[in-house]
Amino acid sequence: MENTDSLTQFFYNIVPGILFIKGLELLTGYHLTSFLHIRRQEGLIIIFYLSFGLFVGFIFQGFTKIIRNNFCLDRKVFEIIKNKKNNISLFENAEKLLKKKKLLGSDENTETVFYLIHNYLLAKGLDSQGTFFADRVAFWSNIFFTSFFLVLIKLYYQRLRLDFTFIFLLLLLFYSWKLFKRYLENKYDTVLKTFVMVKEIEKKDNK
């Protein structure tokens, strides 16, 4: 199972990276393999695209972390989840459980609650659903940054020309952002529900 997760994470990082490189080559007319003098060496070309694609994917994950932390995206997502009609009582229950274990102070915010319950599930190895959504968060955030930078590159090289490529990139930009946010919400919504369910099971087992 761990090997499968590793392969999935590898795939979700490398594919957007390769798409970015190919898009860059298409928009600028420069072929990186030609520039590096490995155009006819197929083995080296494959290694280059895999390595550089993976590198770009990890760079985009760094940008994702900046957006989530510095632009308070996580906090906004947590508030949305917390205030869902079906989640209000679940969140209050999670808060009580954390305070009972003296893991949460009286002045802690919503963000701290979600991070604590997520860390608890990770430590117990019970975050398979959260991991499922986290992989998709990584993939769609990488696709978002791929389309974002390709739009900027296209504007720089070709100015504002409303051709099919530009419209496609804009649609991909908005669609990937929408899915990125949706999977981020799904991830922590699942984390909240799983935590409360696990604690209820533990409570019954201890009786």
C-alpha atoms as a PDB file:
ATOM      1  CA  MET A   1       0.000   0.000   0.000  1.00  0.00           C
ATOM      2  CA  GLU A   2       2.817   2.413   0.845  1.00  0.00           C
ATOM      3  CA  ASN A   3       4.460   1.672  -2.520  1.00  0.00           C
ATOM      4  CA  THR A   4       1.177   2.452  -4.281  1.00  0.00           C
ATOM      5  CA  ASP A   5       0.881   5.753  -2.414  1.00  0.00           C
ATOM      6  CA  SER A   6       4.469   6.644  -3.337  1.00  0.00           C
ATOM      7  CA  LEU A   7       3.836   5.899  -7.012  1.00  0.00           C
ATOM      8  CA  THR A   8       0.641   7.978  -6.908  1.00  0.00           C
ATOM      9  CA  GLN A   9       2.458  10.938  -5.360  1.00  0.00           C
ATOM     10  CA  PHE A  10       5.249  10.551  -7.940  1.00  0.00           C
ATOM     11  CA  PHE A  11       2.681  10.551 -10.753  1.00  0.00           C
ATOM     12  CA  TYR A  12       0.791  13.568  -9.390  1.00  0.00           C
ATOM     13  CA  ASN A  13       4.012  15.591  -9.180  1.00  0.00           C
ATOM     14  CA  ILE A  14       5.690  14.555 -12.391  1.00  0.00           C
ATOM     15  CA  VAL A  15       2.790  14.778 -14.870  1.00  0.00           C
ATOM     16  CA  PRO A  16       2.037  18.507 -14.314  1.00  0.00           C
ATOM     17  CA  GLY A  17       5.796  19.193 -14.398  1.00  0.00           C
ATOM     18  CA  ILE A  18       6.174  17.509 -17.790  1.00  0.00           C
ATOM     19  CA  LEU A  19       3.061  19.298 -19.099  1.00  0.00           C
ATOM     20  CA  PHE A  20       4.610  22.602 -18.031  1.00  0.00           C
ATOM     21  CA  ILE A  21       7.892  21.840 -19.835  1.00  0.00           C
ATOM     22  CA  LYS A  22       6.118  20.766 -23.049  1.00  0.00           C
ATOM     23  CA  GLY A  23       3.836  23.824 -22.862  1.00  0.00           C
ATOM     24  CA  LEU A  24       6.869  26.047 -22.340  1.00  0.00           C
ATOM     25  CA  GLU A  25       8.533  24.564 -25.409  1.00  0.00           C
ATOM     26  CA  LEU A  26       5.368  24.953 -27.468  1.00  0.00           C
ATOM     27  CA  LEU A  27       4.811  28.602 -26.537  1.00  0.00           C
ATOM     28  CA  THR A  28       8.423  29.785 -26.763  1.00  0.00           C
ATOM     29  CA  GLY A  29       9.628  27.611 -29.656  1.00  0.00           C
ATOM     30  CA  TYR A  30      12.696  26.589 -27.654  1.00  0.00           C
ATOM     31  CA  HIS A  31      13.360  22.893 -27.069  1.00  0.00           C
ATOM     32  CA  LEU A  32      15.236  22.332 -23.832  1.00  0.00           C
ATOM     33  CA  THR A  33      16.642  19.016 -25.051  1.00  0.00           C
ATOM     34  CA  SER A  34      18.154  20.769 -28.079  1.00  0.00           C
ATOM     35  CA  PHE A  35      19.597  23.472 -25.868  1.00  0.00           C
ATOM     36  CA  LEU A  36      21.237  20.779 -23.707  1.00  0.00           C
ATOM     37  CA  HIS A  37      22.506  18.908 -26.823  1.00  0.00           C
ATOM     38  CA  ILE A  38      20.638  15.675 -26.033  1.00  0.00           C
ATOM     39  CA  ARG A  39      18.059  15.877 -28.826  1.00  0.00           C
ATOM     40  CA  ARG A  40      18.896  12.509 -30.414  1.00  0.00           C
ATOM     41  CA  GLN A  41      19.687  10.596 -27.242  1.00  0.00           C
ATOM     42  CA  GLU A  42      16.310   9.084 -26.359  1.00  0.00           C
ATOM     43  CA  GLY A  43      17.384   7.608 -23.032  1.00  0.00           C
ATOM     44  CA  LEU A  44      18.751  10.916 -21.795  1.00  0.00           C
ATOM     45  CA  ILE A  45      15.689  12.771 -23.082  1.00  0.00           C
ATOM     46  CA  ILE A  46      13.368  10.513 -21.041  1.00  0.00           C
ATOM     47  CA  ILE A  47      15.535  10.905 -17.937  1.00  0.00           C
ATOM     48  CA  PHE A  48      15.635  14.672 -18.459  1.00  0.00           C
ATOM     49  CA  TYR A  49      11.853  15.054 -18.747  1.00  0.00           C
ATOM     50  CA  LEU A  50      11.201  12.787 -15.753  1.00  0.00           C
ATOM     51  CA  SER A  51      13.785  14.515 -13.568  1.00  0.00           C
ATOM     52  CA  PHE A  52      12.956  18.078 -14.569  1.00  0.00           C
ATOM     53  CA  GLY A  53       9.222  17.358 -14.485  1.00  0.00           C
ATOM     54  CA  LEU A  54       9.521  16.031 -10.938  1.00  0.00           C
ATOM     55  CA  PHE A  55      11.615  19.058  -9.947  1.00  0.00           C
ATOM     56  CA  VAL A  56       8.994  21.462 -11.352  1.00  0.00           C
ATOM     57  CA  GLY A  57       6.241  19.529  -9.535  1.00  0.00           C
ATOM     58  CA  PHE A  58       8.032  19.942  -6.212  1.00  0.00           C
ATOM     59  CA  ILE A  59       8.588  23.654  -6.902  1.00  0.00           C
ATOM     60  CA  PHE A  60       4.854  24.063  -7.526  1.00  0.00           C
ATOM     61  CA  GLN A  61       4.134  22.285  -4.232  1.00  0.00           C
ATOM     62  CA  GLY A  62       6.284  24.921  -2.554  1.00  0.00           C
ATOM     63  CA  PHE A  63       4.115  27.630  -4.145  1.00  0.00           C
ATOM     64  CA  THR A  64       1.022  25.771  -2.935  1.00  0.00           C
ATOM     65  CA  LYS A  65       2.314  25.820   0.634  1.00  0.00           C
ATOM     66  CA  ILE A  66       2.925  29.566   0.384  1.00  0.00           C
ATOM     67  CA  ILE A  67      -0.644  30.167  -0.839  1.00  0.00           C
ATOM     68  CA  ARG A  68      -2.146  27.955   1.856  1.00  0.00           C
ATOM     69  CA  ASN A  69      -0.151  29.539   4.682  1.00  0.00           C
ATOM     70  CA  ASN A  70       0.449  33.168   3.676  1.00  0.00           C
ATOM     71  CA  PHE A  71      -2.940  33.800   2.069  1.00  0.00           C
ATOM     72  CA  CYS A  72      -4.884  32.033   4.845  1.00  0.00           C
ATOM     73  CA  LEU A  73      -6.446  29.557   2.411  1.00  0.00           C
ATOM     74  CA  ASP A  74      -6.425  26.731   4.967  1.00  0.00           C
ATOM     75  CA  ARG A  75      -8.122  28.977   7.534  1.00  0.00           C
ATOM     76  CA  LYS A  76     -10.882  29.893   5.084  1.00  0.00           C
ATOM     77  CA  VAL A  77     -11.407  26.233   4.173  1.00  0.00           C
ATOM     78  CA  PHE A  78     -11.570  25.244   7.855  1.00  0.00           C
ATOM     79  CA  GLU A  79     -14.231  27.893   8.523  1.00  0.00           C
ATOM     80  CA  ILE A  80     -16.309  26.623   5.588  1.00  0.00           C
ATOM     81  CA  ILE A  81     -16.134  23.039   6.876  1.00  0.00           C
ATOM     82  CA  LYS A  82     -16.763  24.020  10.485  1.00  0.00           C
ATOM     83  CA  ASN A  83     -19.902  26.004   9.600  1.00  0.00           C
ATOM     84  CA  LYS A  84     -21.512  23.331   7.437  1.00  0.00           C
ATOM     85  CA  LYS A  85     -24.862  22.363   8.931  1.00  0.00           C
ATOM     86  CA  ASN A  86     -23.884  18.718   9.407  1.00  0.00           C
ATOM     87  CA  ASN A  87     -20.460  19.567  10.849  1.00  0.00           C
ATOM     88  CA  ILE A  88     -21.260  22.081  13.597  1.00  0.00           C
ATOM     89  CA  SER A  89     -21.914  19.442  16.262  1.00  0.00           C
ATOM     90  CA  LEU A  90     -19.023  17.287  15.005  1.00  0.00           C
ATOM     91  CA  PHE A  91     -16.588  20.177  15.326  1.00  0.00           C
ATOM     92  CA  GLU A  92     -17.822  21.012  18.832  1.00  0.00           C
ATOM     93  CA  ASN A  93     -17.420  17.344  19.760  1.00  0.00           C
ATOM     94  CA  ALA A  94     -13.861  17.312  18.388  1.00  0.00           C
ATOM     95  CA  GLU A  95     -13.022  20.447  20.402  1.00  0.00           C
ATOM     96  CA  LYS A  96     -14.338  18.856  23.604  1.00  0.00           C
ATOM     97  CA  LEU A  97     -12.333  15.677  23.023  1.00  0.00           C
ATOM     98  CA  LEU A  98      -9.121  17.644  22.478  1.00  0.00           C
ATOM     99  CA  LYS A  99      -9.699  19.795  25.556  1.00  0.00           C
ATOM    100  CA  LYS A 100     -10.422  16.680  27.595  1.00  0.00           C
ATOM    101  CA  LYS A 101      -7.009  15.321  26.593  1.00  0.00           C
ATOM    102  CA  LYS A 102      -5.517  18.757  27.420  1.00  0.00           C
ATOM    103  CA  LEU A 103      -4.281  19.106  23.837  1.00  0.00           C
ATOM    104  CA  LEU A 104      -6.248  22.275  23.209  1.00  0.00           C
ATOM    105  CA  GLY A 105      -6.256  25.510  25.172  1.00  0.00           C
ATOM    106  CA  SER A 106      -9.296  27.733  25.663  1.00  0.00           C
ATOM    107  CA  ASP A 107      -7.913  30.390  23.312  1.00  0.00           C
ATOM    108  CA  GLU A 108      -6.991  28.088  20.406  1.00  0.00           C
ATOM    109  CA  ASN A 109      -8.516  28.777  16.989  1.00  0.00           C
ATOM    110  CA  THR A 110     -10.255  26.622  14.372  1.00  0.00           C
ATOM    111  CA  GLU A 111      -6.996  26.129  12.480  1.00  0.00           C
ATOM    112  CA  THR A 112      -5.321  24.513  15.494  1.00  0.00           C
ATOM    113  CA  VAL A 113      -8.231  22.097  15.980  1.00  0.00           C
ATOM    114  CA  PHE A 114      -8.020  20.797  12.419  1.00  0.00           C
ATOM    115  CA  TYR A 115      -4.237  20.435  12.513  1.00  0.00           C
ATOM    116  CA  LEU A 116      -4.396  18.556  15.833  1.00  0.00           C
ATOM    117  CA  ILE A 117      -7.047  16.082  14.714  1.00  0.00           C
ATOM    118  CA  HIS A 118      -5.220  15.557  11.438  1.00  0.00           C
ATOM    119  CA  ASN A 119      -1.939  14.879  13.249  1.00  0.00           C
ATOM    120  CA  TYR A 120      -3.752  12.452  15.554  1.00  0.00           C
ATOM    121  CA  LEU A 121      -5.069  10.430  12.598  1.00  0.00           C
ATOM    122  CA  LEU A 122      -1.659  10.474  10.905  1.00  0.00           C
ATOM    123  CA  ALA A 123       0.011   9.189  14.082  1.00  0.00           C
ATOM    124  CA  LYS A 124      -2.553   6.378  14.304  1.00  0.00           C
ATOM    125  CA  GLY A 125      -2.249   5.540  10.596  1.00  0.00           C
ATOM    126  CA  LEU A 126      -5.969   6.218  10.104  1.00  0.00           C
ATOM    127  CA  ASP A 127      -5.832   8.928   7.458  1.00  0.00           C
ATOM    128  CA  SER A 128      -6.235   6.863   4.281  1.00  0.00           C
ATOM    129  CA  GLN A 129      -9.207   8.925   3.070  1.00  0.00           C
ATOM    130  CA  GLY A 130      -7.432  12.165   3.908  1.00  0.00           C
ATOM    131  CA  THR A 131      -4.395  10.954   1.957  1.00  0.00           C
ATOM    132  CA  PHE A 132      -6.638  10.110  -1.001  1.00  0.00           C
ATOM    133  CA  PHE A 133      -7.827  13.717  -1.163  1.00  0.00           C
ATOM    134  CA  ALA A 134      -4.364  15.145  -0.321  1.00  0.00           C
ATOM    135  CA  ASP A 135      -2.914  13.489  -3.438  1.00  0.00           C
ATOM    136  CA  ARG A 136      -5.571  15.155  -5.564  1.00  0.00           C
ATOM    137  CA  VAL A 137      -4.972  18.488  -3.841  1.00  0.00           C
ATOM    138  CA  ALA A 138      -1.302  18.189  -4.874  1.00  0.00           C
ATOM    139  CA  PHE A 139      -2.167  17.209  -8.451  1.00  0.00           C
ATOM    140  CA  TRP A 140      -4.678  19.990  -9.096  1.00  0.00           C
ATOM    141  CA  SER A 141      -2.560  22.642  -7.402  1.00  0.00           C
ATOM    142  CA  ASN A 142       0.300  21.626  -9.723  1.00  0.00           C
ATOM    143  CA  ILE A 143      -2.037  21.835 -12.719  1.00  0.00           C
ATOM    144  CA  PHE A 144      -3.155  25.276 -11.518  1.00  0.00           C
ATOM    145  CA  PHE A 145       0.416  26.588 -11.374  1.00  0.00           C
ATOM    146  CA  THR A 146       1.229  24.925 -14.698  1.00  0.00           C
ATOM    147  CA  SER A 147      -1.635  26.770 -16.417  1.00  0.00           C
ATOM    148  CA  PHE A 148      -0.962  29.998 -14.476  1.00  0.00           C
ATOM    149  CA  PHE A 149       2.673  30.265 -15.557  1.00  0.00           C
ATOM    150  CA  LEU A 150       1.886  29.160 -19.115  1.00  0.00           C
ATOM    151  CA  VAL A 151      -0.705  31.965 -19.344  1.00  0.00           C
ATOM    152  CA  LEU A 152       1.944  34.472 -18.201  1.00  0.00           C
ATOM    153  CA  ILE A 153       4.501  33.070 -20.661  1.00  0.00           C
ATOM    154  CA  LYS A 154       1.975  33.200 -23.502  1.00  0.00           C
ATOM    155  CA  LEU A 155       1.123  36.827 -22.677  1.00  0.00           C
ATOM    156  CA  TYR A 156       4.825  37.704 -22.640  1.00  0.00           C
ATOM    157  CA  TYR A 157       5.698  36.043 -25.960  1.00  0.00           C
ATOM    158  CA  GLN A 158       2.453  36.390 -27.906  1.00  0.00           C
ATOM    159  CA  ARG A 159       0.652  39.286 -26.190  1.00  0.00           C
ATOM    160  CA  LEU A 160      -3.116  39.124 -25.642  1.00  0.00           C
ATOM    161  CA  ARG A 161      -4.206  36.925 -28.510  1.00  0.00           C
ATOM    162  CA  LEU A 162      -7.516  35.158 -27.910  1.00  0.00           C
ATOM    163  CA  ASP A 163      -6.713  31.923 -29.708  1.00  0.00           C
ATOM    164  CA  PHE A 164      -7.688  28.390 -28.722  1.00  0.00           C
ATOM    165  CA  THR A 165      -4.526  27.856 -26.625  1.00  0.00           C
ATOM    166  CA  PHE A 166      -5.120  30.975 -24.526  1.00  0.00           C
ATOM    167  CA  ILE A 167      -8.801  30.151 -23.915  1.00  0.00           C
ATOM    168  CA  PHE A 168      -7.909  26.543 -23.050  1.00  0.00           C
ATOM    169  CA  LEU A 169      -5.265  27.654 -20.547  1.00  0.00           C
ATOM    170  CA  LEU A 170      -7.677  30.107 -18.904  1.00  0.00           C
ATOM    171  CA  LEU A 171     -10.360  27.420 -18.607  1.00  0.00           C
ATOM    172  CA  LEU A 172      -7.781  25.009 -17.187  1.00  0.00           C
ATOM    173  CA  LEU A 173      -6.624  27.675 -14.749  1.00  0.00           C
ATOM    174  CA  PHE A 174     -10.089  28.251 -13.283  1.00  0.00           C
ATOM    175  CA  TYR A 175     -11.103  24.575 -13.407  1.00  0.00           C
ATOM    176  CA  SER A 176      -7.926  23.404 -11.632  1.00  0.00           C
ATOM    177  CA  TRP A 177      -8.330  26.076  -8.925  1.00  0.00           C
ATOM    178  CA  LYS A 178     -11.919  24.947  -8.361  1.00  0.00           C
ATOM    179  CA  LEU A 179     -10.904  21.288  -8.025  1.00  0.00           C
ATOM    180  CA  PHE A 180      -7.902  22.168  -5.854  1.00  0.00           C
ATOM    181  CA  LYS A 181     -10.176  23.966  -3.375  1.00  0.00           C
ATOM    182  CA  ARG A 182     -12.838  21.251  -3.533  1.00  0.00           C
ATOM    183  CA  TYR A 183     -10.383  18.460  -2.744  1.00  0.00           C
ATOM    184  CA  LEU A 184      -8.811  20.550   0.028  1.00  0.00           C
ATOM    185  CA  GLU A 185     -12.259  20.949   1.593  1.00  0.00           C
ATOM    186  CA  ASN A 186     -13.006  17.245   1.091  1.00  0.00           C
ATOM    187  CA  LYS A 187      -9.720  16.327   2.755  1.00  0.00           C
ATOM    188  CA  TYR A 188     -10.364  18.180   6.000  1.00  0.00           C
ATOM    189  CA  ASP A 189     -14.088  17.404   5.982  1.00  0.00           C
ATOM    190  CA  THR A 190     -13.109  13.724   5.946  1.00  0.00           C
ATOM    191  CA  VAL A 191     -10.471  14.321   8.635  1.00  0.00           C
ATOM    192  CA  LEU A 192     -13.091  15.853  10.969  1.00  0.00           C
ATOM    193  CA  LYS A 193     -15.628  13.065  10.440  1.00  0.00           C
ATOM    194  CA  THR A 194     -13.000  10.313  10.743  1.00  0.00           C
ATOM    195  CA  PHE A 195     -11.585  11.752  13.972  1.00  0.00           C
ATOM    196  CA  VAL A 196     -14.983  11.902  15.695  1.00  0.00           C
ATOM    197  CA  MET A 197     -15.863   8.398  14.480  1.00  0.00           C
ATOM    198  CA  VAL A 198     -12.519   6.960  15.677  1.00  0.00           C
ATOM    199  CA  LYS A 199     -12.915   8.553  19.114  1.00  0.00           C
ATOM    200  CA  GLU A 200     -16.445   7.146  19.410  1.00  0.00           C
ATOM    201  CA  ILE A 201     -15.164   3.656  18.564  1.00  0.00           C
ATOM    202  CA  GLU A 202     -12.319   4.003  21.067  1.00  0.00           C
ATOM    203  CA  LYS A 203     -14.817   5.104  23.709  1.00  0.00           C
ATOM    204  CA  LYS A 204     -16.969   2.025  23.136  1.00  0.00           C
ATOM    205  CA  ASP A 205     -13.950  -0.290  23.152  1.00  0.00           C
ATOM    206  CA  ASN A 206     -12.773   1.113  26.497  1.00  0.00           C
ATOM    207  CA  LYS A 207     -16.094   0.408  28.211  1.00  0.00           C
END
